[in-house]
């Protein structure tokens, strides 16, 4: 489950900060709760959030609304059901 915190919010004990995709991936595979700080630009923050979530980050520090990008990534990874499904569109 992903969590979004504000830029000035404190992290909880046991959370580990990461600054790159390889670092996120390594720490997540080791079982850590990984925190990433997203860029200030909203478009960059959305893209970074999806990439970091795919790599295993679970806490995102940002001032932007990135929840939809995180929900989409979790649905693609099979961690949650999609918000909307359509059948028989052909």
Protein backbone atom coordinates (compact mmCIF):
# COMPACT_ATOMS: atom_id res chain seq x y z
CA UNK A 1 0.00 0.00 0.00
CA UNK A 2 1.34 3.40 -0.94
CA UNK A 3 1.30 6.48 1.21
CA UNK A 4 1.68 10.15 0.26
CA UNK A 5 3.16 12.60 2.76
CA UNK A 6 3.84 16.32 2.58
CA UNK A 7 7.26 17.77 1.84
CA UNK A 8 7.83 18.75 5.47
CA UNK A 9 6.29 15.68 7.15
CA UNK A 10 8.47 13.54 9.37
CA UNK A 11 9.23 9.96 8.40
CA UNK A 12 8.50 7.09 10.71
CA UNK A 13 11.25 5.03 12.33
CA UNK A 14 12.31 2.19 10.07
CA UNK A 15 11.58 4.02 6.82
CA UNK A 16 14.56 4.36 4.49
CA UNK A 17 15.10 7.27 2.07
CA UNK A 18 16.19 6.49 -1.49
CA UNK A 19 17.29 8.82 -4.28
CA UNK A 20 17.44 6.64 -7.40
CA UNK A 21 15.53 3.82 -9.08
CA UNK A 22 18.28 1.22 -8.49
CA UNK A 23 18.47 2.22 -4.82
CA UNK A 24 14.67 1.98 -4.45
CA UNK A 25 14.64 -1.44 -6.07
CA UNK A 26 17.47 -2.77 -3.89
CA UNK A 27 15.98 -1.46 -0.63
CA UNK A 28 12.45 -2.65 -1.48
CA UNK A 29 13.73 -6.15 -2.31
CA UNK A 30 15.48 -6.18 1.07
CA UNK A 31 12.10 -5.57 2.74
CA UNK A 32 12.45 -1.91 3.71
CA UNK A 33 9.70 0.71 3.56
CA UNK A 34 11.20 3.08 1.00
CA UNK A 35 10.57 6.84 0.99
CA UNK A 36 11.23 8.98 -2.08
CA UNK A 37 11.05 12.74 -2.51
CA UNK A 38 9.48 13.71 -5.82
CA UNK A 39 10.50 16.65 -8.02
CA UNK A 40 8.78 20.03 -7.73
CA UNK A 41 7.34 20.05 -11.26
CA UNK A 42 3.94 18.32 -11.33
CA UNK A 43 4.48 16.49 -14.63
CA UNK A 44 7.87 15.21 -13.48
CA UNK A 45 6.39 14.23 -10.11
CA UNK A 46 3.69 12.11 -11.79
CA UNK A 47 6.19 10.29 -13.98
CA UNK A 48 8.65 9.80 -11.13
CA UNK A 49 5.90 8.53 -8.82
CA UNK A 50 4.86 5.83 -11.31
CA UNK A 51 8.48 4.76 -11.89
CA UNK A 52 9.35 4.69 -8.19
CA UNK A 53 6.16 2.79 -7.33
CA UNK A 54 6.99 0.22 -10.01
CA UNK A 55 10.47 -0.14 -8.46
CA UNK A 56 8.98 -0.74 -4.99
CA UNK A 57 8.79 2.60 -3.18
CA UNK A 58 5.82 2.86 -0.85
CA UNK A 59 6.02 6.36 0.68
CA UNK A 60 6.09 9.45 -1.52
CA UNK A 61 7.03 12.91 -0.26
CA UNK A 62 5.44 15.58 -2.49
CA UNK A 63 3.25 18.66 -2.60
CA UNK A 64 1.36 17.45 -5.71
CA UNK A 65 -1.70 15.24 -6.12
CA UNK A 66 -0.17 12.00 -7.40
CA UNK A 67 -2.73 9.54 -6.01
CA UNK A 68 -4.18 8.65 -9.46
CA UNK A 69 -0.74 7.82 -10.85
CA UNK A 70 -0.01 5.61 -7.83
CA UNK A 71 -3.42 3.88 -8.02
CA UNK A 72 -2.87 3.17 -11.73
CA UNK A 73 0.59 1.72 -11.10
CA UNK A 74 -0.69 -0.50 -8.28
CA UNK A 75 -3.50 -1.77 -10.52
CA UNK A 76 -1.01 -2.57 -13.30
CA UNK A 77 1.15 -4.46 -10.79
CA UNK A 78 -1.89 -6.41 -9.54
CA UNK A 79 -1.72 -5.01 -6.01
CA UNK A 80 -5.24 -3.56 -6.20
CA UNK A 81 -8.24 -3.92 -8.47
CA UNK A 82 -8.73 -1.31 -11.21
CA UNK A 83 -11.09 1.55 -10.39
CA UNK A 84 -13.07 0.96 -13.59
CA UNK A 85 -13.24 -2.06 -15.86
CA UNK A 86 -14.94 -2.33 -19.23
CA UNK A 87 -15.81 -5.53 -21.02
CA UNK A 88 -16.97 -6.26 -24.51
CA UNK A 89 -15.79 -3.05 -26.14
CA UNK A 90 -15.17 -4.68 -29.52
